[in-house]
């Protein structure tokens, strides 16, 4: 879709395109504790994966690391791509396109930073920025309501793990 706006410099007509807003979501998993979810402080309400908008000049990977830290206090290492989600109605505010990463905790949130993934349990996530609350949840016992399409993203991630020999028998 396109529409025309006046150029701020010359007044001539400039074509503007309506594109989905680029976002990231981060599925942070710690075996035996579950996945990190945040309760949203802003509309739309509900529980969600940590995430947010990619800033201009920022890579999707950098945005994922930043959003994880801002919303949970956790420093994470991205471990893979869960998928790209772009259904026009996935966000009731406007059309977004989300790059969803899997991640593991490296440190932060009362546990301090670590140079390598932590071997033992870390302190739980601490809500910050757009998050009113944060915690670990078992993937088969998600809180309600879930925001956006995040229950679908988690289900897709679980299906992918179930078919991967590396994760066979591993506790979610």
N, C-alpha and C. Protein backbone atom coordinates (compact mmCIF):
# COMPACT_ATOMS: atom_id res chain seq x y z
N UNK A 1 0.84 -1.17 0.00
CA UNK A 1 0.00 0.00 0.00
C UNK A 1 0.88 1.23 0.00
N UNK A 2 0.46 2.22 -0.71
CA UNK A 2 1.24 3.45 -0.74
C UNK A 2 0.31 4.64 -0.59
N UNK A 3 0.88 5.74 -0.14
CA UNK A 3 0.17 7.01 -0.11
C UNK A 3 1.20 8.11 -0.34
N UNK A 4 0.72 9.25 -0.70
CA UNK A 4 1.62 10.36 -1.03
C UNK A 4 1.59 11.41 0.07
N UNK A 5 2.76 11.95 0.37
CA UNK A 5 2.90 13.03 1.35
C UNK A 5 3.78 14.11 0.73
N UNK A 6 3.64 15.34 1.22
CA UNK A 6 4.51 16.40 0.69
C UNK A 6 5.93 16.27 1.22
N UNK A 7 6.90 16.51 0.36
CA UNK A 7 8.30 16.51 0.77
C UNK A 7 8.52 17.69 1.72
N UNK A 8 9.17 17.46 2.86
CA UNK A 8 9.39 18.56 3.81
C UNK A 8 10.37 19.62 3.30
N UNK A 9 11.13 19.30 2.26
CA UNK A 9 12.13 20.24 1.75
C UNK A 9 11.64 21.04 0.55
N UNK A 10 10.98 20.35 -0.40
CA UNK A 10 10.59 21.03 -1.64
C UNK A 10 9.09 21.13 -1.84
N UNK A 11 8.30 20.39 -1.03
CA UNK A 11 6.86 20.43 -1.18
C UNK A 11 6.32 19.50 -2.25
N UNK A 12 7.21 18.86 -3.01
CA UNK A 12 6.78 17.92 -4.04
C UNK A 12 6.17 16.67 -3.43
N UNK A 13 5.50 15.89 -4.23
CA UNK A 13 4.84 14.67 -3.76
C UNK A 13 5.85 13.53 -3.62
N UNK A 14 5.82 12.86 -2.49
CA UNK A 14 6.70 11.74 -2.20
C UNK A 14 5.83 10.52 -1.90
N UNK A 15 6.18 9.38 -2.48
CA UNK A 15 5.44 8.15 -2.21
C UNK A 15 5.94 7.52 -0.92
N UNK A 16 5.01 7.23 -0.02
CA UNK A 16 5.33 6.53 1.23
C UNK A 16 4.63 5.18 1.17
N UNK A 17 5.29 4.14 1.68
CA UNK A 17 4.73 2.80 1.69
C UNK A 17 4.40 2.40 3.12
N UNK A 18 3.28 1.71 3.29
CA UNK A 18 2.92 1.17 4.61
C UNK A 18 3.51 -0.22 4.68
N UNK A 19 4.46 -0.40 5.56
CA UNK A 19 5.13 -1.68 5.75
C UNK A 19 4.93 -2.15 7.18
N UNK A 20 5.01 -3.46 7.42
CA UNK A 20 4.97 -3.94 8.80
C UNK A 20 6.15 -3.37 9.60
N UNK A 21 5.92 -3.14 10.87
CA UNK A 21 6.98 -2.67 11.76
C UNK A 21 7.84 -3.87 12.18
N UNK A 22 9.17 -3.78 12.06
CA UNK A 22 10.04 -4.90 12.46
C UNK A 22 10.20 -4.98 13.98
N UNK A 23 10.00 -6.20 14.50
CA UNK A 23 10.12 -6.45 15.93
C UNK A 23 10.93 -7.72 16.16
N UNK A 24 11.29 -7.95 17.42
CA UNK A 24 11.92 -9.20 17.83
C UNK A 24 11.19 -9.72 19.06
N UNK A 25 11.21 -11.03 19.22
CA UNK A 25 10.77 -11.69 20.45
C UNK A 25 11.84 -12.69 20.80
N UNK A 26 12.00 -12.93 22.11
CA UNK A 26 13.07 -13.82 22.57
C UNK A 26 12.47 -14.91 23.44
N UNK A 27 12.67 -16.16 23.05
CA UNK A 27 12.23 -17.30 23.83
C UNK A 27 13.44 -17.76 24.65
N UNK A 28 13.48 -17.30 25.90
CA UNK A 28 14.60 -17.61 26.80
C UNK A 28 14.22 -18.88 27.57
N UNK A 29 15.06 -19.90 27.44
CA UNK A 29 14.77 -21.19 28.05
C UNK A 29 15.91 -21.61 28.97
N UNK A 30 15.52 -22.09 30.13
CA UNK A 30 16.49 -22.70 31.05
C UNK A 30 15.95 -24.07 31.44
N UNK A 31 16.64 -25.15 31.04
CA UNK A 31 16.15 -26.50 31.34
C UNK A 31 15.82 -26.67 32.82
N UNK A 32 14.67 -27.26 33.08
CA UNK A 32 14.23 -27.50 34.44
C UNK A 32 13.47 -26.34 35.06
N UNK A 33 13.60 -25.14 34.50
CA UNK A 33 12.89 -23.97 35.04
C UNK A 33 11.83 -23.48 34.07
N UNK A 34 12.04 -23.71 32.78
CA UNK A 34 11.04 -23.31 31.80
C UNK A 34 11.48 -22.15 30.95
N UNK A 35 10.50 -21.39 30.51
CA UNK A 35 10.76 -20.24 29.64
C UNK A 35 10.38 -18.95 30.37
N UNK A 36 11.02 -17.87 29.98
CA UNK A 36 10.77 -16.57 30.60
C UNK A 36 9.62 -15.88 29.88
N UNK A 37 8.65 -15.45 30.67
CA UNK A 37 7.55 -14.64 30.15
C UNK A 37 7.46 -13.36 30.97
N UNK A 38 6.97 -12.32 30.33
CA UNK A 38 6.73 -11.05 31.04
C UNK A 38 5.24 -10.75 30.98
N UNK A 39 4.73 -10.11 32.03
CA UNK A 39 3.36 -9.60 31.99
C UNK A 39 3.46 -8.16 31.52
N UNK A 40 2.77 -7.87 30.44
CA UNK A 40 2.88 -6.57 29.80
C UNK A 40 2.32 -5.45 30.68
N UNK A 41 3.06 -4.35 30.73
CA UNK A 41 2.63 -3.16 31.46
C UNK A 41 1.66 -2.34 30.61
N UNK A 42 1.82 -2.42 29.29
CA UNK A 42 1.04 -1.60 28.35
C UNK A 42 0.08 -2.47 27.54
N UNK A 43 -0.81 -1.80 26.82
CA UNK A 43 -1.74 -2.49 25.92
C UNK A 43 -0.95 -3.12 24.77
N UNK A 44 -1.37 -4.25 24.25
CA UNK A 44 -2.45 -5.07 24.76
C UNK A 44 -2.00 -5.86 25.99
N UNK A 45 -2.94 -6.14 26.90
CA UNK A 45 -2.57 -6.83 28.15
C UNK A 45 -2.25 -8.30 27.91
N UNK A 46 -1.63 -8.90 28.90
CA UNK A 46 -1.37 -10.34 28.86
C UNK A 46 0.09 -10.66 29.10
N UNK A 47 0.37 -11.95 29.06
CA UNK A 47 1.72 -12.46 29.22
C UNK A 47 2.33 -12.65 27.84
N UNK A 48 3.63 -12.41 27.75
CA UNK A 48 4.29 -12.45 26.45
C UNK A 48 5.75 -12.84 26.60
N UNK A 49 6.34 -13.25 25.50
CA UNK A 49 7.79 -13.40 25.44
C UNK A 49 8.39 -12.00 25.52
N UNK A 50 9.57 -11.85 26.10
CA UNK A 50 10.22 -10.54 26.04
C UNK A 50 10.45 -10.15 24.59
N UNK A 51 10.34 -8.88 24.29
CA UNK A 51 10.56 -8.44 22.92
C UNK A 51 10.16 -7.01 22.72
N UNK A 52 10.33 -6.54 21.49
CA UNK A 52 9.95 -5.17 21.18
C UNK A 52 10.41 -4.77 19.79
N UNK A 53 10.32 -3.49 19.53
CA UNK A 53 10.64 -2.95 18.21
C UNK A 53 12.14 -2.83 17.99
N UNK A 54 12.54 -3.08 16.75
CA UNK A 54 13.94 -2.91 16.35
C UNK A 54 14.15 -1.43 16.08
N UNK A 55 15.14 -0.83 16.70
CA UNK A 55 15.44 0.59 16.50
C UNK A 55 16.11 0.79 15.15
N UNK A 56 15.92 1.96 14.58
CA UNK A 56 16.57 2.30 13.32
C UNK A 56 18.09 2.22 13.51
N UNK A 57 18.78 1.53 12.61
CA UNK A 57 20.22 1.38 12.70
C UNK A 57 20.66 0.23 13.58
N UNK A 58 19.73 -0.55 14.11
CA UNK A 58 20.03 -1.66 15.00
C UNK A 58 19.73 -2.98 14.28
N UNK A 59 20.58 -3.97 14.47
CA UNK A 59 20.31 -5.29 13.89
C UNK A 59 19.24 -5.99 14.74
N UNK A 60 18.58 -6.98 14.13
CA UNK A 60 17.60 -7.77 14.87
C UNK A 60 18.25 -8.48 16.06
N UNK A 61 19.46 -8.98 15.87
CA UNK A 61 20.17 -9.68 16.96
C UNK A 61 20.45 -8.73 18.12
N UNK A 62 20.94 -7.54 17.82
CA UNK A 62 21.22 -6.56 18.87
C UNK A 62 19.94 -6.14 19.58
N UNK A 63 18.85 -6.00 18.83
CA UNK A 63 17.56 -5.64 19.44
C UNK A 63 17.10 -6.74 20.39
N UNK A 64 17.29 -8.00 20.02
CA UNK A 64 16.88 -9.12 20.88
C UNK A 64 17.66 -9.10 22.19
N UNK A 65 18.96 -8.89 22.12
CA UNK A 65 19.78 -8.83 23.34
C UNK A 65 19.36 -7.65 24.22
N UNK A 66 19.11 -6.50 23.58
CA UNK A 66 18.71 -5.29 24.32
C UNK A 66 17.34 -5.49 24.98
N UNK A 67 16.37 -5.99 24.22
CA UNK A 67 15.03 -6.17 24.78
C UNK A 67 15.02 -7.19 25.92
N UNK A 68 15.79 -8.27 25.79
CA UNK A 68 15.87 -9.26 26.87
C UNK A 68 16.39 -8.60 28.14
N UNK A 69 17.43 -7.80 28.00
CA UNK A 69 18.03 -7.13 29.17
C UNK A 69 17.07 -6.09 29.76
N UNK A 70 16.44 -5.28 28.89
CA UNK A 70 15.54 -4.23 29.38
C UNK A 70 14.32 -4.79 30.10
N UNK A 71 13.73 -5.86 29.56
CA UNK A 71 12.47 -6.36 30.11
C UNK A 71 12.63 -7.41 31.19
N UNK A 72 13.79 -8.07 31.27
CA UNK A 72 13.97 -9.15 32.25
C UNK A 72 15.19 -8.98 33.15
N UNK A 73 16.09 -8.09 32.79
CA UNK A 73 17.34 -7.95 33.53
C UNK A 73 18.33 -9.06 33.24
N UNK A 74 18.01 -9.94 32.31
CA UNK A 74 18.89 -11.08 32.00
C UNK A 74 19.77 -10.79 30.80
N UNK A 75 21.03 -11.19 30.90
CA UNK A 75 21.93 -11.20 29.76
C UNK A 75 21.80 -12.57 29.12
N UNK A 76 21.52 -12.59 27.83
CA UNK A 76 21.28 -13.87 27.16
C UNK A 76 22.23 -14.05 25.99
N UNK A 77 22.34 -15.30 25.59
CA UNK A 77 23.06 -15.68 24.37
C UNK A 77 22.02 -16.23 23.41
N UNK A 78 21.96 -15.69 22.22
CA UNK A 78 21.03 -16.20 21.22
C UNK A 78 21.55 -17.55 20.72
N UNK A 79 20.66 -18.55 20.70
CA UNK A 79 21.08 -19.91 20.32
C UNK A 79 20.49 -20.37 19.00
N UNK A 80 19.58 -19.61 18.44
CA UNK A 80 19.00 -20.01 17.17
C UNK A 80 17.79 -19.18 16.81
N UNK A 81 17.30 -19.44 15.63
CA UNK A 81 16.12 -18.75 15.12
C UNK A 81 14.91 -19.68 15.29
N UNK A 82 13.90 -19.21 16.00
CA UNK A 82 12.66 -19.98 16.15
C UNK A 82 11.83 -19.84 14.89
N UNK A 83 11.74 -18.61 14.38
CA UNK A 83 10.96 -18.37 13.17
C UNK A 83 10.70 -16.90 12.96
N UNK A 84 10.02 -16.61 11.87
CA UNK A 84 9.60 -15.25 11.55
C UNK A 84 8.08 -15.29 11.48
N UNK A 85 7.44 -14.41 12.23
CA UNK A 85 5.99 -14.39 12.35
C UNK A 85 5.47 -13.05 11.83
N UNK A 86 4.56 -13.11 10.83
CA UNK A 86 4.15 -11.87 10.17
C UNK A 86 2.65 -11.80 9.87
N UNK A 87 1.85 -12.67 10.47
CA UNK A 87 0.41 -12.62 10.26
C UNK A 87 -0.07 -11.20 10.55
N UNK A 88 -0.78 -10.55 9.61
CA UNK A 88 -1.16 -9.15 9.78
C UNK A 88 -1.91 -8.85 11.09
N UNK A 89 -2.68 -9.80 11.63
CA UNK A 89 -3.42 -9.54 12.85
C UNK A 89 -2.73 -9.97 14.13
N UNK A 90 -1.45 -10.33 14.06
CA UNK A 90 -0.76 -10.86 15.25
C UNK A 90 -0.64 -9.83 16.36
N UNK A 91 -0.62 -8.55 16.01
CA UNK A 91 -0.57 -7.46 16.99
C UNK A 91 -1.79 -6.59 16.73
N UNK A 92 -2.69 -6.44 17.71
CA UNK A 92 -3.92 -5.67 17.47
C UNK A 92 -3.68 -4.18 17.23
N UNK A 93 -2.49 -3.69 17.54
CA UNK A 93 -2.21 -2.26 17.37
C UNK A 93 -1.91 -1.90 15.92
N UNK A 94 -1.14 -2.77 15.24
CA UNK A 94 -0.78 -2.57 13.84
C UNK A 94 0.00 -3.78 13.35
N UNK A 95 0.24 -3.83 12.05
CA UNK A 95 0.92 -4.96 11.44
C UNK A 95 2.40 -4.95 11.83
N UNK A 96 2.86 -6.06 12.41
CA UNK A 96 4.27 -6.22 12.76
C UNK A 96 4.81 -7.48 12.12
N UNK A 97 6.11 -7.53 11.99
CA UNK A 97 6.84 -8.71 11.52
C UNK A 97 7.88 -8.99 12.60
N UNK A 98 7.78 -10.15 13.24
CA UNK A 98 8.70 -10.45 14.34
C UNK A 98 9.68 -11.56 13.98
N UNK A 99 10.95 -11.28 14.24
CA UNK A 99 12.01 -12.28 14.16
C UNK A 99 12.13 -12.84 15.58
N UNK A 100 11.89 -14.14 15.73
CA UNK A 100 11.88 -14.75 17.06
C UNK A 100 13.12 -15.62 17.25
N UNK A 101 13.87 -15.31 18.29
CA UNK A 101 15.11 -16.03 18.61
C UNK A 101 14.92 -16.90 19.84
N UNK A 102 15.60 -18.03 19.88
CA UNK A 102 15.76 -18.83 21.09
C UNK A 102 17.02 -18.32 21.78
N UNK A 103 17.03 -18.38 23.11
CA UNK A 103 18.18 -17.88 23.87
C UNK A 103 18.32 -18.65 25.16
N UNK A 104 19.53 -18.56 25.72
CA UNK A 104 19.77 -19.11 27.05
C UNK A 104 20.38 -18.01 27.91
N UNK A 105 20.22 -18.17 29.20
CA UNK A 105 20.69 -17.16 30.15
C UNK A 105 22.20 -17.25 30.31
N UNK A 106 22.84 -16.10 30.26
CA UNK A 106 24.28 -16.01 30.53
C UNK A 106 24.53 -15.38 31.90
N UNK A 107 23.64 -14.54 32.35
CA UNK A 107 23.80 -13.87 33.65
C UNK A 107 22.81 -12.75 33.78
N UNK A 108 23.04 -11.90 34.78
CA UNK A 108 22.17 -10.76 35.00
C UNK A 108 21.14 -11.03 36.07
N UNK A 109 20.25 -10.07 36.25
CA UNK A 109 19.14 -10.14 37.22
C UNK A 109 19.59 -10.73 38.55
N UNK A 110 20.36 -10.02 39.28
CA UNK A 110 20.86 -10.41 40.60
C UNK A 110 21.99 -11.43 40.54
N UNK A 111 22.18 -12.07 39.37
CA UNK A 111 23.23 -13.07 39.27
C UNK A 111 24.51 -12.51 38.69
N UNK A 112 24.47 -11.28 38.19
CA UNK A 112 25.65 -10.68 37.58
C UNK A 112 25.91 -11.25 36.20
N UNK A 113 26.79 -10.61 35.48
CA UNK A 113 27.13 -11.06 34.13
C UNK A 113 28.06 -12.25 34.20
N UNK A 114 27.99 -13.09 33.18
CA UNK A 114 28.88 -14.25 33.12
C UNK A 114 29.52 -14.29 31.74
N UNK A 115 30.72 -14.82 31.67
CA UNK A 115 31.44 -14.89 30.40
C UNK A 115 30.95 -16.07 29.56
N UNK A 116 30.34 -17.06 30.20
CA UNK A 116 29.82 -18.24 29.51
C UNK A 116 28.46 -18.55 30.08
N UNK A 117 27.67 -19.37 29.40
CA UNK A 117 26.37 -19.73 29.96
C UNK A 117 26.52 -20.27 31.38
N UNK A 118 25.60 -19.89 32.25
CA UNK A 118 25.70 -20.29 33.64
C UNK A 118 25.42 -21.78 33.77
N UNK A 119 26.16 -22.45 34.67
CA UNK A 119 26.01 -23.89 34.84
C UNK A 119 24.86 -24.22 35.77
N UNK A 120 24.64 -23.42 36.80
CA UNK A 120 23.57 -23.69 37.76
C UNK A 120 22.43 -22.72 37.58
N UNK A 121 21.43 -22.83 38.45
CA UNK A 121 20.30 -21.94 38.36
C UNK A 121 20.71 -20.47 38.55
N UNK A 122 20.06 -19.61 37.81
CA UNK A 122 20.31 -18.18 37.95
C UNK A 122 19.13 -17.58 38.69
N UNK A 123 19.35 -16.38 39.19
CA UNK A 123 18.24 -15.66 39.80
C UNK A 123 17.16 -15.49 38.75
N UNK A 124 15.94 -15.40 39.19
CA UNK A 124 14.84 -15.22 38.25
C UNK A 124 14.91 -13.88 37.55
N UNK A 125 14.17 -13.76 36.46
CA UNK A 125 14.13 -12.49 35.76
C UNK A 125 13.49 -11.41 36.63
N UNK A 126 13.87 -10.18 36.39
CA UNK A 126 13.33 -9.03 37.11
C UNK A 126 12.64 -8.14 36.08
N UNK A 127 11.36 -7.86 36.30
CA UNK A 127 10.60 -7.04 35.35
C UNK A 127 11.18 -5.65 35.25
N UNK A 128 11.28 -5.15 34.03
CA UNK A 128 11.76 -3.80 33.78
C UNK A 128 11.17 -3.27 32.50
N UNK A 129 11.35 -1.99 32.23
CA UNK A 129 10.89 -1.33 31.01
C UNK A 129 9.40 -1.54 30.83
N UNK A 130 8.97 -2.26 29.80
CA UNK A 130 7.55 -2.44 29.49
C UNK A 130 6.93 -3.62 30.25
N UNK A 131 7.70 -4.28 31.11
CA UNK A 131 7.20 -5.45 31.82
C UNK A 131 6.75 -5.08 33.24
N UNK A 132 5.56 -5.55 33.63
CA UNK A 132 5.06 -5.34 34.98
C UNK A 132 5.47 -6.49 35.90
N UNK A 133 5.75 -7.65 35.32
CA UNK A 133 6.14 -8.83 36.08
C UNK A 133 6.92 -9.73 35.12
N UNK A 134 7.71 -10.64 35.67
CA UNK A 134 8.48 -11.57 34.84
C UNK A 134 8.76 -12.82 35.65
N UNK A 135 8.84 -13.95 34.96
CA UNK A 135 9.15 -15.19 35.65
C UNK A 135 9.37 -16.33 34.69
N UNK A 136 9.82 -17.46 35.25
CA UNK A 136 9.95 -18.70 34.49
C UNK A 136 8.62 -19.44 34.55
N UNK A 137 8.23 -20.03 33.42
CA UNK A 137 6.98 -20.79 33.35
C UNK A 137 7.22 -22.07 32.58
N UNK A 138 6.57 -23.15 33.04
CA UNK A 138 6.62 -24.41 32.30
C UNK A 138 5.86 -24.20 30.99
N UNK A 139 6.43 -24.64 29.85
CA UNK A 139 5.75 -24.45 28.57
C UNK A 139 4.38 -25.10 28.48
N UNK A 140 4.13 -26.12 29.30
CA UNK A 140 2.81 -26.78 29.28
C UNK A 140 1.87 -26.22 30.33
N UNK A 141 2.26 -25.13 30.99
CA UNK A 141 1.41 -24.50 32.02
C UNK A 141 1.58 -22.98 31.92
N UNK A 142 1.21 -22.43 30.77
CA UNK A 142 1.38 -21.00 30.51
C UNK A 142 0.31 -20.19 31.25
N UNK A 143 0.67 -19.01 31.71
CA UNK A 143 -0.33 -18.14 32.35
C UNK A 143 -1.31 -17.60 31.31
N UNK A 144 -2.44 -17.10 31.78
CA UNK A 144 -3.46 -16.53 30.88
C UNK A 144 -3.77 -15.11 31.30
N UNK A 145 -4.10 -14.27 30.36
CA UNK A 145 -4.09 -14.53 28.92
C UNK A 145 -2.70 -14.34 28.33
N UNK A 146 -2.43 -15.04 27.24
CA UNK A 146 -1.19 -14.84 26.49
C UNK A 146 -1.46 -13.76 25.45
N UNK A 147 -0.50 -12.86 25.26
CA UNK A 147 -0.64 -11.77 24.30
C UNK A 147 -0.14 -12.21 22.92
N UNK A 148 -0.61 -11.49 21.93
CA UNK A 148 -0.16 -11.68 20.55
C UNK A 148 -0.33 -13.14 20.12
N UNK A 149 0.63 -13.65 19.36
CA UNK A 149 0.61 -15.05 18.92
C UNK A 149 1.67 -15.86 19.67
N UNK A 150 1.99 -15.44 20.89
CA UNK A 150 3.11 -16.05 21.61
C UNK A 150 2.84 -17.48 22.05
N UNK A 151 1.60 -17.87 22.30
CA UNK A 151 1.32 -19.28 22.60
C UNK A 151 1.64 -20.14 21.37
N UNK A 152 1.34 -19.65 20.18
CA UNK A 152 1.67 -20.37 18.94
C UNK A 152 3.18 -20.47 18.77
N UNK A 153 3.90 -19.39 19.04
CA UNK A 153 5.37 -19.40 18.92
C UNK A 153 5.97 -20.44 19.86
N UNK A 154 5.47 -20.48 21.08
CA UNK A 154 5.98 -21.46 22.06
C UNK A 154 5.66 -22.88 21.59
N UNK A 155 4.44 -23.10 21.08
CA UNK A 155 4.07 -24.43 20.56
C UNK A 155 4.96 -24.82 19.38
N UNK A 156 5.26 -23.88 18.49
CA UNK A 156 6.16 -24.16 17.37
C UNK A 156 7.54 -24.54 17.87
N UNK A 157 8.04 -23.82 18.86
CA UNK A 157 9.36 -24.10 19.44
C UNK A 157 9.38 -25.49 20.06
N UNK A 158 8.33 -25.83 20.80
CA UNK A 158 8.25 -27.16 21.42
C UNK A 158 8.24 -28.26 20.37
N UNK A 159 7.49 -28.07 19.28
CA UNK A 159 7.47 -29.06 18.20
C UNK A 159 8.86 -29.22 17.59
N UNK A 160 9.56 -28.11 17.38
CA UNK A 160 10.91 -28.17 16.83
C UNK A 160 11.87 -28.91 17.75
N UNK A 161 11.75 -28.69 19.06
CA UNK A 161 12.61 -29.37 20.02
C UNK A 161 12.32 -30.87 20.05
N UNK A 162 11.04 -31.23 19.96
CA UNK A 162 10.65 -32.64 20.03
C UNK A 162 11.23 -33.43 18.86
N UNK A 163 11.43 -32.77 17.72
CA UNK A 163 11.96 -33.48 16.55
C UNK A 163 13.48 -33.41 16.45
N UNK A 164 14.13 -32.79 17.43
CA UNK A 164 15.58 -32.64 17.40
C UNK A 164 16.25 -33.67 18.32
N UNK A 165 17.08 -34.55 17.78
CA UNK A 165 17.73 -35.57 18.61
C UNK A 165 18.57 -34.98 19.75
N UNK A 166 19.12 -33.80 19.53
CA UNK A 166 19.96 -33.16 20.56
C UNK A 166 19.17 -32.87 21.83
N UNK A 167 17.86 -32.62 21.70
CA UNK A 167 17.04 -32.26 22.85
C UNK A 167 16.13 -33.39 23.32
N UNK A 168 16.26 -34.58 22.75
CA UNK A 168 15.41 -35.70 23.12
C UNK A 168 15.56 -35.99 24.60
N UNK A 169 14.43 -36.05 25.28
CA UNK A 169 14.44 -36.36 26.71
C UNK A 169 14.82 -35.21 27.61
N UNK A 170 15.18 -34.07 27.05
CA UNK A 170 15.54 -32.92 27.86
C UNK A 170 14.28 -32.27 28.42
N UNK A 171 14.36 -31.89 29.68
CA UNK A 171 13.24 -31.24 30.33
C UNK A 171 13.06 -29.82 29.79
N UNK A 172 11.83 -29.46 29.51
CA UNK A 172 11.56 -28.10 29.03
C UNK A 172 11.38 -27.19 30.21
